[in-house]
Amino acid sequence: MVYNLKQINPTKCQFSFRLGKFDCYELRKSVCSLYLNEREAQRINKEEGSQFKAGNVMHCRNLAKSLLNAN
């Protein structure tokens, strides 16, 4: 199988995602994890563990931190 890779400019594209409760913390709890302070997020993470995979309270927070650190 051959894959053709091409570079895109994401600022000139539109993306659509179909997320569920296992993909997005906000869909489960009605508040985006990025709006929580660090203390609240850590408490929730400890209570829930890793049962929600990408829907974990820390998923988007960690992604945002990595993007900010990469400039």
PDB file of N, CA and C in Angstrom:
ATOM      1  N   MET A   1       0.846  -1.172   0.000  1.00  0.00           N
ATOM      2  CA  MET A   1       0.000   0.000   0.000  1.00  0.00           C
ATOM      3  C   MET A   1       0.892   1.235   0.000  1.00  0.00           C
ATOM      4  N   VAL A   2       0.612   2.188  -0.853  1.00  0.00           N
ATOM      5  CA  VAL A   2       1.399   3.404  -0.985  1.00  0.00           C
ATOM      6  C   VAL A   2       0.588   4.581  -0.445  1.00  0.00           C
ATOM      7  N   TYR A   3       1.229   5.382   0.362  1.00  0.00           N
ATOM      8  CA  TYR A   3       0.585   6.573   0.894  1.00  0.00           C
ATOM      9  C   TYR A   3       1.204   7.806   0.263  1.00  0.00           C
ATOM     10  N   ASN A   4       0.376   8.709  -0.172  1.00  0.00           N
ATOM     11  CA  ASN A   4       0.852   9.985  -0.680  1.00  0.00           C
ATOM     12  C   ASN A   4       0.668  11.020   0.419  1.00  0.00           C
ATOM     13  N   LEU A   5       1.757  11.547   0.905  1.00  0.00           N
ATOM     14  CA  LEU A   5       1.702  12.554   1.953  1.00  0.00           C
ATOM     15  C   LEU A   5       1.787  13.936   1.331  1.00  0.00           C
ATOM     16  N   LYS A   6       0.968  14.839   1.838  1.00  0.00           N
ATOM     17  CA  LYS A   6       1.078  16.214   1.372  1.00  0.00           C
ATOM     18  C   LYS A   6       0.925  17.137   2.562  1.00  0.00           C
ATOM     19  N   GLN A   7       1.573  18.257   2.460  1.00  0.00           N
ATOM     20  CA  GLN A   7       1.544  19.227   3.540  1.00  0.00           C
ATOM     21  C   GLN A   7       0.366  20.169   3.317  1.00  0.00           C
ATOM     22  N   ILE A   8      -0.356  20.485   4.380  1.00  0.00           N
ATOM     23  CA  ILE A   8      -1.486  21.405   4.281  1.00  0.00           C
ATOM     24  C   ILE A   8      -1.274  22.554   5.255  1.00  0.00           C
ATOM     25  N   ASN A   9      -1.941  23.637   4.996  1.00  0.00           N
ATOM     26  CA  ASN A   9      -1.953  24.767   5.916  1.00  0.00           C
ATOM     27  C   ASN A   9      -3.270  24.688   6.681  1.00  0.00           C
ATOM     28  N   PRO A  10      -3.252  24.285   7.953  1.00  0.00           N
ATOM     29  CA  PRO A  10      -4.500  24.073   8.691  1.00  0.00           C
ATOM     30  C   PRO A  10      -5.311  25.349   8.909  1.00  0.00           C
ATOM     31  N   THR A  11      -4.682  26.510   8.769  1.00  0.00           N
ATOM     32  CA  THR A  11      -5.430  27.760   8.932  1.00  0.00           C
ATOM     33  C   THR A  11      -6.321  28.046   7.729  1.00  0.00           C
ATOM     34  N   LYS A  12      -6.095  27.326   6.638  1.00  0.00           N
ATOM     35  CA  LYS A  12      -6.909  27.525   5.436  1.00  0.00           C
ATOM     36  C   LYS A  12      -7.843  26.346   5.172  1.00  0.00           C
ATOM     37  N   CYS A  13      -8.013  25.511   6.164  1.00  0.00           N
ATOM     38  CA  CYS A  13      -8.870  24.327   6.031  1.00  0.00           C
ATOM     39  C   CYS A  13      -9.963  24.352   7.090  1.00  0.00           C
ATOM     40  N   GLN A  14     -11.022  23.649   6.818  1.00  0.00           N
ATOM     41  CA  GLN A  14     -12.074  23.444   7.802  1.00  0.00           C
ATOM     42  C   GLN A  14     -12.052  21.981   8.205  1.00  0.00           C
ATOM     43  N   PHE A  15     -12.212  21.744   9.491  1.00  0.00           N
ATOM     44  CA  PHE A  15     -12.191  20.387  10.012  1.00  0.00           C
ATOM     45  C   PHE A  15     -13.495  20.106  10.734  1.00  0.00           C
ATOM     46  N   SER A  16     -13.945  18.892  10.648  1.00  0.00           N
ATOM     47  CA  SER A  16     -15.156  18.468  11.333  1.00  0.00           C
ATOM     48  C   SER A  16     -14.843  17.207  12.121  1.00  0.00           C
ATOM     49  N   PHE A  17     -15.222  17.197  13.375  1.00  0.00           N
ATOM     50  CA  PHE A  17     -14.953  16.056  14.238  1.00  0.00           C
ATOM     51  C   PHE A  17     -16.248  15.552  14.841  1.00  0.00           C
ATOM     52  N   ARG A  18     -16.400  14.263  14.936  1.00  0.00           N
ATOM     53  CA  ARG A  18     -17.540  13.657  15.614  1.00  0.00           C
ATOM     54  C   ARG A  18     -17.000  13.071  16.913  1.00  0.00           C
ATOM     55  N   LEU A  19     -17.208  13.796  17.991  1.00  0.00           N
ATOM     56  CA  LEU A  19     -16.668  13.390  19.281  1.00  0.00           C
ATOM     57  C   LEU A  19     -17.764  12.840  20.176  1.00  0.00           C
ATOM     58  N   GLY A  20     -17.396  11.884  21.006  1.00  0.00           N
ATOM     59  CA  GLY A  20     -18.300  11.310  21.988  1.00  0.00           C
ATOM     60  C   GLY A  20     -17.737  11.500  23.383  1.00  0.00           C
ATOM     61  N   LYS A  21     -18.412  10.940  24.381  1.00  0.00           N
ATOM     62  CA  LYS A  21     -17.984  11.158  25.764  1.00  0.00           C
ATOM     63  C   LYS A  21     -16.624  10.541  26.063  1.00  0.00           C
ATOM     64  N   PHE A  22     -16.179   9.595  25.257  1.00  0.00           N
ATOM     65  CA  PHE A  22     -14.856   9.016  25.475  1.00  0.00           C
ATOM     66  C   PHE A  22     -13.776   9.798  24.732  1.00  0.00           C
ATOM     67  N   ASP A  23     -14.170  10.829  23.989  1.00  0.00           N
ATOM     68  CA  ASP A  23     -13.231  11.651  23.227  1.00  0.00           C
ATOM     69  C   ASP A  23     -13.115  13.072  23.757  1.00  0.00           C
ATOM     70  N   CYS A  24     -14.083  13.512  24.529  1.00  0.00           N
ATOM     71  CA  CYS A  24     -14.141  14.924  24.911  1.00  0.00           C
ATOM     72  C   CYS A  24     -14.694  15.066  26.334  1.00  0.00           C
ATOM     73  N   TYR A  25     -13.904  15.674  27.192  1.00  0.00           N
ATOM     74  CA  TYR A  25     -14.321  15.877  28.579  1.00  0.00           C
ATOM     75  C   TYR A  25     -15.576  16.756  28.653  1.00  0.00           C
ATOM     76  N   GLU A  26     -15.629  17.781  27.834  1.00  0.00           N
ATOM     77  CA  GLU A  26     -16.771  18.697  27.871  1.00  0.00           C
ATOM     78  C   GLU A  26     -18.091  18.004  27.532  1.00  0.00           C
ATOM     79  N   LEU A  27     -18.076  17.035  26.640  1.00  0.00           N
ATOM     80  CA  LEU A  27     -19.307  16.319  26.302  1.00  0.00           C
ATOM     81  C   LEU A  27     -19.831  15.504  27.478  1.00  0.00           C
ATOM     82  N   ARG A  28     -18.922  15.087  28.355  1.00  0.00           N
ATOM     83  CA  ARG A  28     -19.358  14.332  29.536  1.00  0.00           C
ATOM     84  C   ARG A  28     -19.794  15.233  30.681  1.00  0.00           C
ATOM     85  N   LYS A  29     -19.089  16.348  30.868  1.00  0.00           N
ATOM     86  CA  LYS A  29     -19.285  17.154  32.070  1.00  0.00           C
ATOM     87  C   LYS A  29     -19.831  18.558  31.828  1.00  0.00           C
ATOM     88  N   SER A  30     -20.029  18.943  30.589  1.00  0.00           N
ATOM     89  CA  SER A  30     -20.579  20.257  30.218  1.00  0.00           C
ATOM     90  C   SER A  30     -19.672  21.429  30.579  1.00  0.00           C
ATOM     91  N   VAL A  31     -18.394  21.160  30.776  1.00  0.00           N
ATOM     92  CA  VAL A  31     -17.414  22.232  30.973  1.00  0.00           C
ATOM     93  C   VAL A  31     -16.095  21.762  30.356  1.00  0.00           C
ATOM     94  N   CYS A  32     -15.491  22.633  29.571  1.00  0.00           N
ATOM     95  CA  CYS A  32     -14.219  22.291  28.937  1.00  0.00           C
ATOM     96  C   CYS A  32     -13.131  22.190  29.997  1.00  0.00           C
ATOM     97  N   SER A  33     -12.296  21.174  29.896  1.00  0.00           N
ATOM     98  CA  SER A  33     -11.222  20.977  30.882  1.00  0.00           C
ATOM     99  C   SER A  33     -10.232  22.134  30.877  1.00  0.00           C
ATOM    100  N   LEU A  34     -10.154  22.880  29.781  1.00  0.00           N
ATOM    101  CA  LEU A  34      -9.233  24.020  29.718  1.00  0.00           C
ATOM    102  C   LEU A  34      -9.706  25.183  30.579  1.00  0.00           C
ATOM    103  N   TYR A  35     -10.975  25.174  30.975  1.00  0.00           N
ATOM    104  CA  TYR A  35     -11.509  26.229  31.840  1.00  0.00           C
ATOM    105  C   TYR A  35     -11.287  25.925  33.323  1.00  0.00           C
ATOM    106  N   LEU A  36     -10.875  24.723  33.639  1.00  0.00           N
ATOM    107  CA  LEU A  36     -10.618  24.347  35.032  1.00  0.00           C
ATOM    108  C   LEU A  36      -9.244  24.835  35.458  1.00  0.00           C
ATOM    109  N   ASN A  37      -9.102  25.140  36.751  1.00  0.00           N
ATOM    110  CA  ASN A  37      -7.758  25.472  37.210  1.00  0.00           C
ATOM    111  C   ASN A  37      -6.985  24.177  37.437  1.00  0.00           C
ATOM    112  N   GLU A  38      -5.700  24.282  37.605  1.00  0.00           N
ATOM    113  CA  GLU A  38      -4.838  23.093  37.703  1.00  0.00           C
ATOM    114  C   GLU A  38      -5.229  22.203  38.880  1.00  0.00           C
ATOM    115  N   ARG A  39      -5.578  22.810  39.978  1.00  0.00           N
ATOM    116  CA  ARG A  39      -5.955  22.046  41.176  1.00  0.00           C
ATOM    117  C   ARG A  39      -7.223  21.220  40.940  1.00  0.00           C
ATOM    118  N   GLU A  40      -8.230  21.828  40.327  1.00  0.00           N
ATOM    119  CA  GLU A  40      -9.473  21.111  40.012  1.00  0.00           C
ATOM    120  C   GLU A  40      -9.206  19.959  39.043  1.00  0.00           C
ATOM    121  N   ALA A  41      -8.427  20.234  38.016  1.00  0.00           N
ATOM    122  CA  ALA A  41      -8.132  19.211  37.011  1.00  0.00           C
ATOM    123  C   ALA A  41      -7.381  18.030  37.624  1.00  0.00           C
ATOM    124  N   GLN A  42      -6.425  18.300  38.483  1.00  0.00           N
ATOM    125  CA  GLN A  42      -5.670  17.222  39.131  1.00  0.00           C
ATOM    126  C   GLN A  42      -6.570  16.388  40.039  1.00  0.00           C
ATOM    127  N   ARG A  43      -7.477  17.041  40.754  1.00  0.00           N
ATOM    128  CA  ARG A  43      -8.414  16.314  41.629  1.00  0.00           C
ATOM    129  C   ARG A  43      -9.313  15.390  40.803  1.00  0.00           C
ATOM    130  N   ILE A  44      -9.857  15.907  39.712  1.00  0.00           N
ATOM    131  CA  ILE A  44     -10.729  15.116  38.842  1.00  0.00           C
ATOM    132  C   ILE A  44      -9.947  13.967  38.218  1.00  0.00           C
ATOM    133  N   ASN A  45      -8.741  14.238  37.781  1.00  0.00           N
ATOM    134  CA  ASN A  45      -7.901  13.203  37.176  1.00  0.00           C
ATOM    135  C   ASN A  45      -7.643  12.067  38.165  1.00  0.00           C
ATOM    136  N   LYS A  46      -7.398  12.417  39.400  1.00  0.00           N
ATOM    137  CA  LYS A  46      -7.158  11.402  40.436  1.00  0.00           C
ATOM    138  C   LYS A  46      -8.417  10.569  40.683  1.00  0.00           C
ATOM    139  N   GLU A  47      -9.585  11.222  40.697  1.00  0.00           N
ATOM    140  CA  GLU A  47     -10.855  10.528  40.942  1.00  0.00           C
ATOM    141  C   GLU A  47     -11.230   9.602  39.783  1.00  0.00           C
ATOM    142  N   GLU A  48     -11.082  10.076  38.552  1.00  0.00           N
ATOM    143  CA  GLU A  48     -11.529   9.316  37.380  1.00  0.00           C
ATOM    144  C   GLU A  48     -10.501   8.320  36.862  1.00  0.00           C
ATOM    145  N   GLY A  49      -9.241   8.587  37.078  1.00  0.00           N
ATOM    146  CA  GLY A  49      -8.212   7.709  36.539  1.00  0.00           C
ATOM    147  C   GLY A  49      -8.155   7.825  35.024  1.00  0.00           C
ATOM    148  N   SER A  50      -7.843   6.741  34.348  1.00  0.00           N
ATOM    149  CA  SER A  50      -7.671   6.783  32.888  1.00  0.00           C
ATOM    150  C   SER A  50      -8.795   6.076  32.138  1.00  0.00           C
ATOM    151  N   GLN A  51      -9.945   5.938  32.754  1.00  0.00           N
ATOM    152  CA  GLN A  51     -11.030   5.177  32.128  1.00  0.00           C
ATOM    153  C   GLN A  51     -11.620   5.844  30.886  1.00  0.00           C
ATOM    154  N   PHE A  52     -11.410   7.149  30.697  1.00  0.00           N
ATOM    155  CA  PHE A  52     -12.020   7.833  29.563  1.00  0.00           C
ATOM    156  C   PHE A  52     -11.051   8.141  28.434  1.00  0.00           C
ATOM    157  N   LYS A  53      -9.835   7.645  28.494  1.00  0.00           N
ATOM    158  CA  LYS A  53      -8.842   7.801  27.416  1.00  0.00           C
ATOM    159  C   LYS A  53      -8.720   9.255  26.975  1.00  0.00           C
ATOM    160  N   ALA A  54      -9.051   9.588  25.724  1.00  0.00           N
ATOM    161  CA  ALA A  54      -8.935  10.954  25.221  1.00  0.00           C
ATOM    162  C   ALA A  54      -9.954  11.889  25.874  1.00  0.00           C
ATOM    163  N   GLY A  55     -10.985  11.334  26.505  1.00  0.00           N
ATOM    164  CA  GLY A  55     -11.973  12.139  27.213  1.00  0.00           C
ATOM    165  C   GLY A  55     -11.562  12.447  28.631  1.00  0.00           C
ATOM    166  N   ASN A  56     -10.354  12.054  28.984  1.00  0.00           N
ATOM    167  CA  ASN A  56      -9.816  12.337  30.311  1.00  0.00           C
ATOM    168  C   ASN A  56      -9.633  13.839  30.474  1.00  0.00           C
ATOM    169  N   VAL A  57      -9.819  14.313  31.684  1.00  0.00           N
ATOM    170  CA  VAL A  57      -9.718  15.743  31.978  1.00  0.00           C
ATOM    171  C   VAL A  57      -8.355  16.318  31.591  1.00  0.00           C
ATOM    172  N   MET A  58      -7.318  15.516  31.593  1.00  0.00           N
ATOM    173  CA  MET A  58      -5.975  16.020  31.308  1.00  0.00           C
ATOM    174  C   MET A  58      -5.601  15.964  29.823  1.00  0.00           C
ATOM    175  N   HIS A  59      -6.364  15.287  28.999  1.00  0.00           N
ATOM    176  CA  HIS A  59      -5.975  15.087  27.597  1.00  0.00           C
ATOM    177  C   HIS A  59      -5.753  16.415  26.856  1.00  0.00           C
ATOM    178  N   CYS A  60      -6.752  17.257  26.811  1.00  0.00           N
ATOM    179  CA  CYS A  60      -6.611  18.533  26.091  1.00  0.00           C
ATOM    180  C   CYS A  60      -5.656  19.476  26.806  1.00  0.00           C
ATOM    181  N   ARG A  61      -5.625  19.396  28.130  1.00  0.00           N
ATOM    182  CA  ARG A  61      -4.698  20.239  28.889  1.00  0.00           C
ATOM    183  C   ARG A  61      -3.256  19.882  28.543  1.00  0.00           C
ATOM    184  N   ASN A  62      -2.962  18.592  28.461  1.00  0.00           N
ATOM    185  CA  ASN A  62      -1.607  18.157  28.101  1.00  0.00           C
ATOM    186  C   ASN A  62      -1.288  18.500  26.654  1.00  0.00           C
ATOM    187  N   LEU A  63      -2.274  18.368  25.775  1.00  0.00           N
ATOM    188  CA  LEU A  63      -2.073  18.722  24.375  1.00  0.00           C
ATOM    189  C   LEU A  63      -1.779  20.213  24.245  1.00  0.00           C
ATOM    190  N   ALA A  64      -2.536  21.034  24.942  1.00  0.00           N
ATOM    191  CA  ALA A  64      -2.319  22.480  24.894  1.00  0.00           C
ATOM    192  C   ALA A  64      -0.938  22.849  25.414  1.00  0.00           C
ATOM    193  N   LYS A  65      -0.516  22.220  26.504  1.00  0.00           N
ATOM    194  CA  LYS A  65       0.813  22.484  27.054  1.00  0.00           C
ATOM    195  C   LYS A  65       1.905  22.107  26.062  1.00  0.00           C
ATOM    196  N   SER A  66       1.750  20.975  25.401  1.00  0.00           N
ATOM    197  CA  SER A  66       2.773  20.545  24.454  1.00  0.00           C
ATOM    198  C   SER A  66       2.828  21.477  23.240  1.00  0.00           C
ATOM    199  N   LEU A  67       1.675  21.970  22.795  1.00  0.00           N
ATOM    200  CA  LEU A  67       1.652  22.920  21.676  1.00  0.00           C
ATOM    201  C   LEU A  67       2.287  24.245  22.064  1.00  0.00           C
ATOM    202  N   LEU A  68       2.014  24.700  23.270  1.00  0.00           N
ATOM    203  CA  LEU A  68       2.618  25.957  23.732  1.00  0.00           C
ATOM    204  C   LEU A  68       4.130  25.818  23.898  1.00  0.00           C
ATOM    205  N   ASN A  69       4.572  24.675  24.366  1.00  0.00           N
ATOM    206  CA  ASN A  69       6.001  24.449  24.552  1.00  0.00           C
ATOM    207  C   ASN A  69       6.730  24.306  23.228  1.00  0.00           C
ATOM    208  N   ALA A  70       6.027  23.872  22.198  1.00  0.00           N
ATOM    209  CA  ALA A  70       6.638  23.698  20.876  1.00  0.00           C
ATOM    210  C   ALA A  70       6.581  24.985  20.052  1.00  0.00           C
ATOM    211  N   ASN A  71       5.985  26.022  20.634  1.00  0.00           N
ATOM    212  CA  ASN A  71       5.801  27.312  19.950  1.00  0.00           C
ATOM    213  C   ASN A  71       4.909  27.147  18.740  1.00  0.00           C
TER     214      ASN A  71
END
